[in-house]
All heavy atoms as atom14 arrays in JSON, in Angstrom:
{
  "sequence": "SAGGSEADQIYRLDLDSRQVALLTEPSERHEIEGWLHLSSQLLISSLP",
  "atom14_mask": [
    [1, 1, 1, 1, 1, 1, 0, 0, 0, 0, 0, 0, 0, 0],
    [1, 1, 1, 1, 1, 0, 0, 0, 0, 0, 0, 0, 0, 0],
    [1, 1, 1, 1, 0, 0, 0, 0, 0, 0, 0, 0, 0, 0],
    [1, 1, 1, 1, 0, 0, 0, 0, 0, 0, 0, 0, 0, 0],
    [1, 1, 1, 1, 1, 1, 0, 0, 0, 0, 0, 0, 0, 0],
    [1, 1, 1, 1, 1, 1, 1, 1, 1, 0, 0, 0, 0, 0],
    [1, 1, 1, 1, 1, 0, 0, 0, 0, 0, 0, 0, 0, 0],
    [1, 1, 1, 1, 1, 1, 1, 1, 0, 0, 0, 0, 0, 0],
    [1, 1, 1, 1, 1, 1, 1, 1, 1, 0, 0, 0, 0, 0],
    [1, 1, 1, 1, 1, 1, 1, 1, 0, 0, 0, 0, 0, 0],
    [1, 1, 1, 1, 1, 1, 1, 1, 1, 1, 1, 1, 0, 0],
    [1, 1, 1, 1, 1, 1, 1, 1, 1, 1, 1, 0, 0, 0],
    [1, 1, 1, 1, 1, 1, 1, 1, 0, 0, 0, 0, 0, 0],
    [1, 1, 1, 1, 1, 1, 1, 1, 0, 0, 0, 0, 0, 0],
    [1, 1, 1, 1, 1, 1, 1, 1, 0, 0, 0, 0, 0, 0],
    [1, 1, 1, 1, 1, 1, 1, 1, 0, 0, 0, 0, 0, 0],
    [1, 1, 1, 1, 1, 1, 0, 0, 0, 0, 0, 0, 0, 0],
    [1, 1, 1, 1, 1, 1, 1, 1, 1, 1, 1, 0, 0, 0],
    [1, 1, 1, 1, 1, 1, 1, 1, 1, 0, 0, 0, 0, 0],
    [1, 1, 1, 1, 1, 1, 1, 0, 0, 0, 0, 0, 0, 0],
    [1, 1, 1, 1, 1, 0, 0, 0, 0, 0, 0, 0, 0, 0],
    [1, 1, 1, 1, 1, 1, 1, 1, 0, 0, 0, 0, 0, 0],
    [1, 1, 1, 1, 1, 1, 1, 1, 0, 0, 0, 0, 0, 0],
    [1, 1, 1, 1, 1, 1, 1, 0, 0, 0, 0, 0, 0, 0],
    [1, 1, 1, 1, 1, 1, 1, 1, 1, 0, 0, 0, 0, 0],
    [1, 1, 1, 1, 1, 1, 1, 0, 0, 0, 0, 0, 0, 0],
    [1, 1, 1, 1, 1, 1, 0, 0, 0, 0, 0, 0, 0, 0],
    [1, 1, 1, 1, 1, 1, 1, 1, 1, 0, 0, 0, 0, 0],
    [1, 1, 1, 1, 1, 1, 1, 1, 1, 1, 1, 0, 0, 0],
    [1, 1, 1, 1, 1, 1, 1, 1, 1, 1, 0, 0, 0, 0],
    [1, 1, 1, 1, 1, 1, 1, 1, 1, 0, 0, 0, 0, 0],
    [1, 1, 1, 1, 1, 1, 1, 1, 0, 0, 0, 0, 0, 0],
    [1, 1, 1, 1, 1, 1, 1, 1, 1, 0, 0, 0, 0, 0],
    [1, 1, 1, 1, 0, 0, 0, 0, 0, 0, 0, 0, 0, 0],
    [1, 1, 1, 1, 1, 1, 1, 1, 1, 1, 1, 1, 1, 1],
    [1, 1, 1, 1, 1, 1, 1, 1, 0, 0, 0, 0, 0, 0],
    [1, 1, 1, 1, 1, 1, 1, 1, 1, 1, 0, 0, 0, 0],
    [1, 1, 1, 1, 1, 1, 1, 1, 0, 0, 0, 0, 0, 0],
    [1, 1, 1, 1, 1, 1, 0, 0, 0, 0, 0, 0, 0, 0],
    [1, 1, 1, 1, 1, 1, 0, 0, 0, 0, 0, 0, 0, 0],
    [1, 1, 1, 1, 1, 1, 1, 1, 1, 0, 0, 0, 0, 0],
    [1, 1, 1, 1, 1, 1, 1, 1, 0, 0, 0, 0, 0, 0],
    [1, 1, 1, 1, 1, 1, 1, 1, 0, 0, 0, 0, 0, 0],
    [1, 1, 1, 1, 1, 1, 1, 1, 0, 0, 0, 0, 0, 0],
    [1, 1, 1, 1, 1, 1, 0, 0, 0, 0, 0, 0, 0, 0],
    [1, 1, 1, 1, 1, 1, 0, 0, 0, 0, 0, 0, 0, 0],
    [1, 1, 1, 1, 1, 1, 1, 1, 0, 0, 0, 0, 0, 0],
    [1, 1, 1, 1, 1, 1, 1, 0, 0, 0, 0, 0, 0, 0]
  ],
  "atom14_positions": [
    [[5.17, 6.99, 4.33], [4.89, 7.24, 5.74], [5.03, 8.73, 6.0], [5.55, 9.48, 5.17], [5.86, 6.46, 6.64], [7.19, 6.91, 6.47], [0.0, 0.0, 0.0], [0.0, 0.0, 0.0], [0.0, 0.0, 0.0], [0.0, 0.0, 0.0], [0.0, 0.0, 0.0], [0.0, 0.0, 0.0], [0.0, 0.0, 0.0], [0.0, 0.0, 0.0]],
    [[4.58, 9.17, 7.17], [4.57, 10.6, 7.49], [5.69, 10.92, 8.48], [5.84, 10.25, 9.5], [3.21, 11.0, 8.08], [0.0, 0.0, 0.0], [0.0, 0.0, 0.0], [0.0, 0.0, 0.0], [0.0, 0.0, 0.0], [0.0, 0.0, 0.0], [0.0, 0.0, 0.0], [0.0, 0.0, 0.0], [0.0, 0.0, 0.0], [0.0, 0.0, 0.0]],
    [[6.47, 11.94, 8.17], [7.41, 12.5, 9.12], [8.47, 11.56, 9.64], [8.91, 11.68, 10.77], [0.0, 0.0, 0.0], [0.0, 0.0, 0.0], [0.0, 0.0, 0.0], [0.0, 0.0, 0.0], [0.0, 0.0, 0.0], [0.0, 0.0, 0.0], [0.0, 0.0, 0.0], [0.0, 0.0, 0.0], [0.0, 0.0, 0.0], [0.0, 0.0, 0.0]],
    [[8.89, 10.58, 8.81], [9.93, 9.66, 9.24], [9.47, 8.59, 10.2], [10.3, 7.89, 10.79], [0.0, 0.0, 0.0], [0.0, 0.0, 0.0], [0.0, 0.0, 0.0], [0.0, 0.0, 0.0], [0.0, 0.0, 0.0], [0.0, 0.0, 0.0], [0.0, 0.0, 0.0], [0.0, 0.0, 0.0], [0.0, 0.0, 0.0], [0.0, 0.0, 0.0]],
    [[8.17, 8.42, 10.37], [7.63, 7.47, 11.35], [7.8, 6.01, 10.92], [7.68, 5.11, 11.76], [6.15, 7.74, 11.58], [5.4, 7.48, 10.39], [0.0, 0.0, 0.0], [0.0, 0.0, 0.0], [0.0, 0.0, 0.0], [0.0, 0.0, 0.0], [0.0, 0.0, 0.0], [0.0, 0.0, 0.0], [0.0, 0.0, 0.0], [0.0, 0.0, 0.0]],
    [[8.01, 5.75, 9.63], [8.1, 4.41, 9.06], [6.8, 3.63, 9.22], [6.78, 2.41, 9.03], [9.29, 3.63, 9.61], [10.62, 4.31, 9.36], [11.82, 3.5, 9.83], [11.7, 2.26, 9.94], [12.85, 4.11, 10.11], [0.0, 0.0, 0.0], [0.0, 0.0, 0.0], [0.0, 0.0, 0.0], [0.0, 0.0, 0.0], [0.0, 0.0, 0.0]],
    [[5.72, 4.33, 9.56], [4.39, 3.69, 9.62], [3.82, 3.72, 8.2], [2.83, 4.4, 7.91], [3.49, 4.42, 10.6], [0.0, 0.0, 0.0], [0.0, 0.0, 0.0], [0.0, 0.0, 0.0], [0.0, 0.0, 0.0], [0.0, 0.0, 0.0], [0.0, 0.0, 0.0], [0.0, 0.0, 0.0], [0.0, 0.0, 0.0], [0.0, 0.0, 0.0]],
    [[4.45, 2.94, 7.3], [4.12, 3.02, 5.88], [2.68, 2.61, 5.61], [2.19, 1.6, 6.14], [5.06, 2.12, 5.08], [6.47, 2.68, 4.99], [6.61, 3.85, 4.62], [7.42, 1.94, 5.29], [0.0, 0.0, 0.0], [0.0, 0.0, 0.0], [0.0, 0.0, 0.0], [0.0, 0.0, 0.0], [0.0, 0.0, 0.0], [0.0, 0.0, 0.0]],
    [[2.04, 3.4, 4.75], [0.74, 3.05, 4.21], [0.92, 2.75, 2.72], [1.88, 3.19, 2.09], [-0.26, 4.19, 4.4], [-0.46, 4.6, 5.85], [-0.92, 3.44, 6.72], [-1.93, 2.79, 6.42], [-0.18, 3.17, 7.79], [0.0, 0.0, 0.0], [0.0, 0.0, 0.0], [0.0, 0.0, 0.0], [0.0, 0.0, 0.0], [0.0, 0.0, 0.0]],
    [[-0.01, 1.98, 2.16], [0.05, 1.61, 0.74], [-1.06, 2.34, 0.01], [-2.22, 2.36, 0.45], [-0.06, 0.09, 0.56], [1.1, -0.6, 1.29], [-0.05, -0.28, -0.91], [1.04, -2.12, 1.27], [0.0, 0.0, 0.0], [0.0, 0.0, 0.0], [0.0, 0.0, 0.0], [0.0, 0.0, 0.0], [0.0, 0.0, 0.0], [0.0, 0.0, 0.0]],
    [[-0.69, 2.94, -1.12], [-1.6, 3.74, -1.93], [-1.63, 3.21, -3.36], [-0.65, 2.62, -3.83], [-1.16, 5.2, -1.97], [-1.09, 5.88, -0.62], [0.02, 5.73, 0.19], [-2.13, 6.69, -0.17], [0.11, 6.35, 1.43], [-2.06, 7.33, 1.06], [-0.94, 7.15, 1.86], [-0.86, 7.77, 3.08], [0.0, 0.0, 0.0], [0.0, 0.0, 0.0]],
    [[-2.74, 3.46, -4.04], [-2.84, 3.2, -5.49], [-2.79, 4.52, -6.23], [-3.5, 5.47, -5.86], [-4.14, 2.49, -5.82], [-4.27, 2.12, -7.31], [-5.66, 1.62, -7.66], [-6.65, 2.7, -7.6], [-7.77, 2.67, -6.88], [-8.04, 1.62, -6.11], [-8.6, 3.69, -6.87], [0.0, 0.0, 0.0], [0.0, 0.0, 0.0], [0.0, 0.0, 0.0]],
    [[-1.95, 4.62, -7.24], [-1.89, 5.8, -8.09], [-2.37, 5.41, -9.48], [-1.73, 4.62, -10.18], [-0.45, 6.33, -8.17], [-0.19, 7.44, -9.2], [-1.01, 8.69, -8.89], [1.29, 7.77, -9.29], [0.0, 0.0, 0.0], [0.0, 0.0, 0.0], [0.0, 0.0, 0.0], [0.0, 0.0, 0.0], [0.0, 0.0, 0.0], [0.0, 0.0, 0.0]],
    [[-3.54, 5.93, -9.9], [-4.06, 5.69, -11.25], [-3.31, 6.6, -12.22], [-3.33, 7.83, -12.09], [-5.56, 5.97, -11.3], [-6.35, 5.0, -10.43], [-6.15, 3.78, -10.59], [-7.13, 5.47, -9.58], [0.0, 0.0, 0.0], [0.0, 0.0, 0.0], [0.0, 0.0, 0.0], [0.0, 0.0, 0.0], [0.0, 0.0, 0.0], [0.0, 0.0, 0.0]],
    [[-2.64, 6.01, -13.18], [-1.71, 6.77, -14.01], [-2.42, 7.69, -15.0], [-1.86, 8.71, -15.4], [-0.77, 5.81, -14.75], [0.16, 5.05, -13.81], [0.94, 3.98, -14.56], [1.13, 6.01, -13.11], [0.0, 0.0, 0.0], [0.0, 0.0, 0.0], [0.0, 0.0, 0.0], [0.0, 0.0, 0.0], [0.0, 0.0, 0.0], [0.0, 0.0, 0.0]],
    [[-3.63, 7.37, -15.4], [-4.36, 8.25, -16.32], [-4.89, 9.49, -15.6], [-4.71, 10.62, -16.05], [-5.51, 7.49, -16.99], [-5.02, 6.46, -17.99], [-3.88, 6.63, -18.49], [-5.75, 5.49, -18.26], [0.0, 0.0, 0.0], [0.0, 0.0, 0.0], [0.0, 0.0, 0.0], [0.0, 0.0, 0.0], [0.0, 0.0, 0.0], [0.0, 0.0, 0.0]],
    [[-5.55, 9.29, -14.47], [-6.18, 10.41, -13.76], [-5.27, 11.04, -12.73], [-5.53, 12.15, -12.26], [-7.45, 9.92, -13.06], [-7.13, 9.01, -12.01], [0.0, 0.0, 0.0], [0.0, 0.0, 0.0], [0.0, 0.0, 0.0], [0.0, 0.0, 0.0], [0.0, 0.0, 0.0], [0.0, 0.0, 0.0], [0.0, 0.0, 0.0], [0.0, 0.0, 0.0]],
    [[-4.2, 10.34, -12.34], [-3.29, 10.74, -11.27], [-3.99, 10.83, -9.9], [-3.5, 11.48, -8.99], [-2.59, 12.08, -11.58], [-1.76, 12.05, -12.85], [-0.6, 11.06, -12.7], [0.11, 10.86, -13.97], [1.13, 11.59, -14.37], [1.57, 12.57, -13.59], [1.71, 11.36, -15.52], [0.0, 0.0, 0.0], [0.0, 0.0, 0.0], [0.0, 0.0, 0.0]],
    [[-5.1, 10.14, -9.78], [-5.8, 10.08, -8.5], [-5.1, 9.07, -7.59], [-4.64, 8.01, -8.04], [-7.26, 9.68, -8.7], [-8.08, 10.71, -9.46], [-8.19, 12.01, -8.69], [-8.6, 12.03, -7.54], [-7.83, 13.12, -9.34], [0.0, 0.0, 0.0], [0.0, 0.0, 0.0], [0.0, 0.0, 0.0], [0.0, 0.0, 0.0], [0.0, 0.0, 0.0]],
    [[-5.05, 9.4, -6.3], [-4.4, 8.55, -5.31], [-5.44, 8.03, -4.33], [-6.28, 8.79, -3.84], [-3.3, 9.32, -4.56], [-2.72, 8.48, -3.43], [-2.19, 9.75, -5.52], [0.0, 0.0, 0.0], [0.0, 0.0, 0.0], [0.0, 0.0, 0.0], [0.0, 0.0, 0.0], [0.0, 0.0, 0.0], [0.0, 0.0, 0.0], [0.0, 0.0, 0.0]],
    [[-5.39, 6.73, -4.04], [-6.34, 6.12, -3.1], [-5.56, 5.35, -2.04], [-4.65, 4.58, -2.35], [-7.29, 5.18, -3.83], [0.0, 0.0, 0.0], [0.0, 0.0, 0.0], [0.0, 0.0, 0.0], [0.0, 0.0, 0.0], [0.0, 0.0, 0.0], [0.0, 0.0, 0.0], [0.0, 0.0, 0.0], [0.0, 0.0, 0.0], [0.0, 0.0, 0.0]],
    [[-5.93, 5.56, -0.78], [-5.34, 4.82, 0.33], [-5.93, 3.42, 0.37], [-7.15, 3.24, 0.32], [-5.62, 5.55, 1.64], [-5.16, 4.85, 2.93], [-3.64, 4.76, 2.99], [-5.69, 5.61, 4.16], [0.0, 0.0, 0.0], [0.0, 0.0, 0.0], [0.0, 0.0, 0.0], [0.0, 0.0, 0.0], [0.0, 0.0, 0.0], [0.0, 0.0, 0.0]],
    [[-5.06, 2.41, 0.49], [-5.5, 1.02, 0.46], [-5.43, 0.33, 1.82], [-5.92, -0.79, 1.95], [-4.65, 0.22, -0.54], [-4.63, 0.71, -1.98], [-3.69, -0.17, -2.81], [-6.03, 0.72, -2.58], [0.0, 0.0, 0.0], [0.0, 0.0, 0.0], [0.0, 0.0, 0.0], [0.0, 0.0, 0.0], [0.0, 0.0, 0.0], [0.0, 0.0, 0.0]],
    [[-4.83, 0.97, 2.82], [-4.52, 0.26, 4.07], [-5.03, 1.02, 5.29], [-5.41, 2.19, 5.21], [-3.0, 0.05, 4.19], [-2.33, 1.29, 3.95], [-2.51, -0.98, 3.19], [0.0, 0.0, 0.0], [0.0, 0.0, 0.0], [0.0, 0.0, 0.0], [0.0, 0.0, 0.0], [0.0, 0.0, 0.0], [0.0, 0.0, 0.0], [0.0, 0.0, 0.0]],
    [[-4.99, 0.31, 6.41], [-5.48, 0.83, 7.7], [-4.36, 1.63, 8.37], [-3.3, 1.09, 8.7], [-5.91, -0.34, 8.58], [-6.17, 0.0, 10.03], [-7.16, 1.13, 10.21], [-8.25, 1.05, 9.62], [-6.8, 2.1, 10.92], [0.0, 0.0, 0.0], [0.0, 0.0, 0.0], [0.0, 0.0, 0.0], [0.0, 0.0, 0.0], [0.0, 0.0, 0.0]],
    [[-4.57, 2.93, 8.64], [-3.49, 3.77, 9.18], [-3.0, 3.41, 10.57], [-1.93, 3.87, 10.98], [-4.13, 5.17, 9.2], [-5.21, 5.12, 8.17], [-5.74, 3.72, 8.24], [0.0, 0.0, 0.0], [0.0, 0.0, 0.0], [0.0, 0.0, 0.0], [0.0, 0.0, 0.0], [0.0, 0.0, 0.0], [0.0, 0.0, 0.0], [0.0, 0.0, 0.0]],
    [[-3.71, 2.57, 11.28], [-3.26, 2.19, 12.63], [-2.18, 1.11, 12.6], [-1.69, 0.7, 13.65], [-4.44, 1.7, 13.46], [-4.99, 0.51, 12.91], [0.0, 0.0, 0.0], [0.0, 0.0, 0.0], [0.0, 0.0, 0.0], [0.0, 0.0, 0.0], [0.0, 0.0, 0.0], [0.0, 0.0, 0.0], [0.0, 0.0, 0.0], [0.0, 0.0, 0.0]],
    [[-1.81, 0.65, 11.39], [-0.79, -0.38, 11.24], [0.3, 0.08, 10.28], [0.13, 1.05, 9.54], [-1.42, -1.68, 10.73], [-2.42, -2.3, 11.67], [-3.02, -3.58, 11.11], [-3.43, -3.56, 9.93], [-3.08, -4.58, 11.85], [0.0, 0.0, 0.0], [0.0, 0.0, 0.0], [0.0, 0.0, 0.0], [0.0, 0.0, 0.0], [0.0, 0.0, 0.0]],
    [[1.39, -0.65, 10.28], [2.49, -0.43, 9.35], [2.42, -1.51, 8.28], [2.29, -2.69, 8.59], [3.82, -0.53, 10.11], [5.07, -0.41, 9.27], [6.3, -0.66, 10.14], [7.54, -0.32, 9.46], [8.28, -1.19, 8.79], [7.88, -2.45, 8.7], [9.4, -0.8, 8.21], [0.0, 0.0, 0.0], [0.0, 0.0, 0.0], [0.0, 0.0, 0.0]],
    [[2.52, -1.11, 7.01], [2.28, -2.05, 5.91], [3.47, -2.09, 4.95], [4.23, -1.13, 4.83], [1.02, -1.65, 5.14], [-0.18, -1.46, 6.01], [-1.01, -2.48, 6.39], [-0.69, -0.33, 6.59], [-1.98, -2.0, 7.16], [-1.8, -0.7, 7.3], [0.0, 0.0, 0.0], [0.0, 0.0, 0.0], [0.0, 0.0, 0.0], [0.0, 0.0, 0.0]],
    [[3.56, -3.21, 4.23], [4.64, -3.37, 3.26], [4.14, -4.13, 2.04], [3.41, -5.12, 2.17], [5.82, -4.11, 3.89], [7.05, -4.14, 3.0], [8.28, -4.63, 3.74], [8.19, -4.85, 4.97], [9.33, -4.81, 3.1], [0.0, 0.0, 0.0], [0.0, 0.0, 0.0], [0.0, 0.0, 0.0], [0.0, 0.0, 0.0], [0.0, 0.0, 0.0]],
    [[4.51, -3.66, 0.86], [4.21, -4.37, -0.39], [5.08, -5.62, -0.44], [6.3, -5.54, -0.34], [4.49, -3.47, -1.6], [3.57, -2.25, -1.59], [4.34, -4.25, -2.9], [3.97, -1.17, -2.59], [0.0, 0.0, 0.0], [0.0, 0.0, 0.0], [0.0, 0.0, 0.0], [0.0, 0.0, 0.0], [0.0, 0.0, 0.0], [0.0, 0.0, 0.0]],
    [[4.45, -6.79, -0.62], [5.21, -8.05, -0.63], [5.32, -8.68, -2.0], [6.2, -9.51, -2.22], [4.55, -9.05, 0.34], [4.62, -8.63, 1.8], [6.02, -8.74, 2.39], [6.92, -9.27, 1.72], [6.21, -8.3, 3.54], [0.0, 0.0, 0.0], [0.0, 0.0, 0.0], [0.0, 0.0, 0.0], [0.0, 0.0, 0.0], [0.0, 0.0, 0.0]],
    [[4.43, -8.34, -2.93], [4.54, -8.91, -4.28], [3.19, -9.28, -4.85], [2.17, -9.33, -4.15], [0.0, 0.0, 0.0], [0.0, 0.0, 0.0], [0.0, 0.0, 0.0], [0.0, 0.0, 0.0], [0.0, 0.0, 0.0], [0.0, 0.0, 0.0], [0.0, 0.0, 0.0], [0.0, 0.0, 0.0], [0.0, 0.0, 0.0], [0.0, 0.0, 0.0]],
    [[3.18, -9.54, -6.16], [1.95, -9.83, -6.91], [1.83, -11.33, -7.18], [2.83, -12.04, -7.26], [1.96, -9.11, -8.24], [2.08, -7.62, -8.16], [3.24, -6.89, -8.13], [1.01, -6.68, -8.09], [2.95, -5.55, -8.06], [1.59, -5.38, -8.04], [-0.38, -6.79, -8.08], [0.83, -4.22, -7.97], [-1.14, -5.63, -8.03], [-0.55, -4.36, -7.96]],
    [[0.59, -11.78, -7.37], [0.38, -13.1, -7.95], [0.74, -13.06, -9.43], [0.83, -11.99, -10.04], [-1.07, -13.55, -7.77], [-1.61, -13.66, -6.33], [-2.96, -14.38, -6.32], [-0.63, -14.35, -5.41], [0.0, 0.0, 0.0], [0.0, 0.0, 0.0], [0.0, 0.0, 0.0], [0.0, 0.0, 0.0], [0.0, 0.0, 0.0], [0.0, 0.0, 0.0]],
    [[0.94, -14.24, -10.03], [1.35, -14.29, -11.43], [0.18, -14.26, -12.4], [0.3, -13.71, -13.5], [2.16, -15.57, -11.68], [3.43, -15.63, -10.91], [4.5, -14.83, -11.17], [3.8, -16.43, -9.87], [5.49, -15.11, -10.33], [5.09, -16.07, -9.53], [0.0, 0.0, 0.0], [0.0, 0.0, 0.0], [0.0, 0.0, 0.0], [0.0, 0.0, 0.0]],
    [[-0.95, -14.83, -12.02], [-2.06, -15.03, -12.95], [-3.16, -14.0, -12.79], [-4.19, -14.08, -13.49], [-2.64, -16.44, -12.76], [-1.62, -17.58, -12.87], [-2.29, -18.93, -12.63], [-0.94, -17.57, -14.24], [0.0, 0.0, 0.0], [0.0, 0.0, 0.0], [0.0, 0.0, 0.0], [0.0, 0.0, 0.0], [0.0, 0.0, 0.0], [0.0, 0.0, 0.0]],
    [[-3.0, -13.04, -11.9], [-4.0, -12.0, -11.71], [-3.31, -10.78, -11.12], [-2.12, -10.82, -10.8], [-5.12, -12.47, -10.77], [-4.61, -12.63, -9.46], [0.0, 0.0, 0.0], [0.0, 0.0, 0.0], [0.0, 0.0, 0.0], [0.0, 0.0, 0.0], [0.0, 0.0, 0.0], [0.0, 0.0, 0.0], [0.0, 0.0, 0.0], [0.0, 0.0, 0.0]],
    [[-4.06, -9.68, -11.0], [-3.5, -8.45, -10.43], [-3.84, -8.34, -8.96], [-4.32, -7.31, -8.47], [-4.03, -7.23, -11.2], [-3.59, -7.27, -12.53], [0.0, 0.0, 0.0], [0.0, 0.0, 0.0], [0.0, 0.0, 0.0], [0.0, 0.0, 0.0], [0.0, 0.0, 0.0], [0.0, 0.0, 0.0], [0.0, 0.0, 0.0], [0.0, 0.0, 0.0]],
    [[-3.61, -9.41, -8.22], [-3.82, -9.4, -6.79], [-2.48, -9.23, -6.08], [-1.47, -9.79, -6.49], [-4.5, -10.68, -6.33], [-5.93, -10.83, -6.86], [-6.62, -12.01, -6.23], [-7.17, -11.93, -5.12], [-6.6, -13.14, -6.93], [0.0, 0.0, 0.0], [0.0, 0.0, 0.0], [0.0, 0.0, 0.0], [0.0, 0.0, 0.0], [0.0, 0.0, 0.0]],
    [[-2.51, -8.45, -5.01], [-1.3, -8.02, -4.33], [-1.23, -8.6, -2.93], [-2.21, -8.59, -2.18], [-1.29, -6.49, -4.24], [-0.11, -5.82, -3.54], [1.16, -5.97, -4.37], [-0.42, -4.34, -3.3], [0.0, 0.0, 0.0], [0.0, 0.0, 0.0], [0.0, 0.0, 0.0], [0.0, 0.0, 0.0], [0.0, 0.0, 0.0], [0.0, 0.0, 0.0]],
    [[-0.06, -9.08, -2.56], [0.2, -9.53, -1.2], [0.8, -8.38, -0.41], [1.77, -7.74, -0.86], [1.17, -10.71, -1.19], [0.63, -12.04, -1.71], [1.78, -12.98, -2.06], [-0.29, -12.69, -0.69], [0.0, 0.0, 0.0], [0.0, 0.0, 0.0], [0.0, 0.0, 0.0], [0.0, 0.0, 0.0], [0.0, 0.0, 0.0], [0.0, 0.0, 0.0]],
    [[0.24, -8.11, 0.76], [0.8, -7.1, 1.65], [0.92, -7.68, 3.06], [0.16, -8.56, 3.45], [-0.03, -5.8, 1.69], [-1.4, -6.05, 2.33], [-0.19, -5.19, 0.31], [-2.18, -4.77, 2.62], [0.0, 0.0, 0.0], [0.0, 0.0, 0.0], [0.0, 0.0, 0.0], [0.0, 0.0, 0.0], [0.0, 0.0, 0.0], [0.0, 0.0, 0.0]],
    [[1.9, -7.2, 3.81], [2.03, -7.59, 5.21], [1.79, -6.37, 6.09], [2.05, -5.23, 5.68], [3.42, -8.18, 5.48], [4.43, -7.23, 5.22], [0.0, 0.0, 0.0], [0.0, 0.0, 0.0], [0.0, 0.0, 0.0], [0.0, 0.0, 0.0], [0.0, 0.0, 0.0], [0.0, 0.0, 0.0], [0.0, 0.0, 0.0], [0.0, 0.0, 0.0]],
    [[1.3, -6.61, 7.3], [0.92, -5.53, 8.2], [1.34, -5.84, 9.63], [1.28, -7.0, 10.06], [-0.6, -5.3, 8.17], [-1.07, -5.14, 6.84], [0.0, 0.0, 0.0], [0.0, 0.0, 0.0], [0.0, 0.0, 0.0], [0.0, 0.0, 0.0], [0.0, 0.0, 0.0], [0.0, 0.0, 0.0], [0.0, 0.0, 0.0], [0.0, 0.0, 0.0]],
    [[1.77, -4.8, 10.33], [2.18, -4.92, 11.73], [1.51, -3.84, 12.56], [1.37, -2.7, 12.11], [3.7, -4.76, 11.84], [4.56, -5.96, 11.43], [5.98, -5.53, 11.16], [4.53, -7.02, 12.52], [0.0, 0.0, 0.0], [0.0, 0.0, 0.0], [0.0, 0.0, 0.0], [0.0, 0.0, 0.0], [0.0, 0.0, 0.0], [0.0, 0.0, 0.0]],
    [[1.1, -4.17, 13.79], [0.48, -3.16, 14.65], [1.5, -2.15, 15.15], [2.69, -2.48, 15.33], [-0.1, -3.98, 15.81], [0.79, -5.19, 15.87], [1.18, -5.49, 14.46], [0.0, 0.0, 0.0], [0.0, 0.0, 0.0], [0.0, 0.0, 0.0], [0.0, 0.0, 0.0], [0.0, 0.0, 0.0], [0.0, 0.0, 0.0], [0.0, 0.0, 0.0]]
  ]
}
């Protein structure tokens, strides 16, 4: 989040290229909730 706002955004960091990509909508607050077991799909929660 920016400046202590706790309006967390979720990003992907590619470890080979070190490129960062924003994954979420900045008008909301987001949290990483966990992965599925059989695929690389991610659960996230969001609040306005």
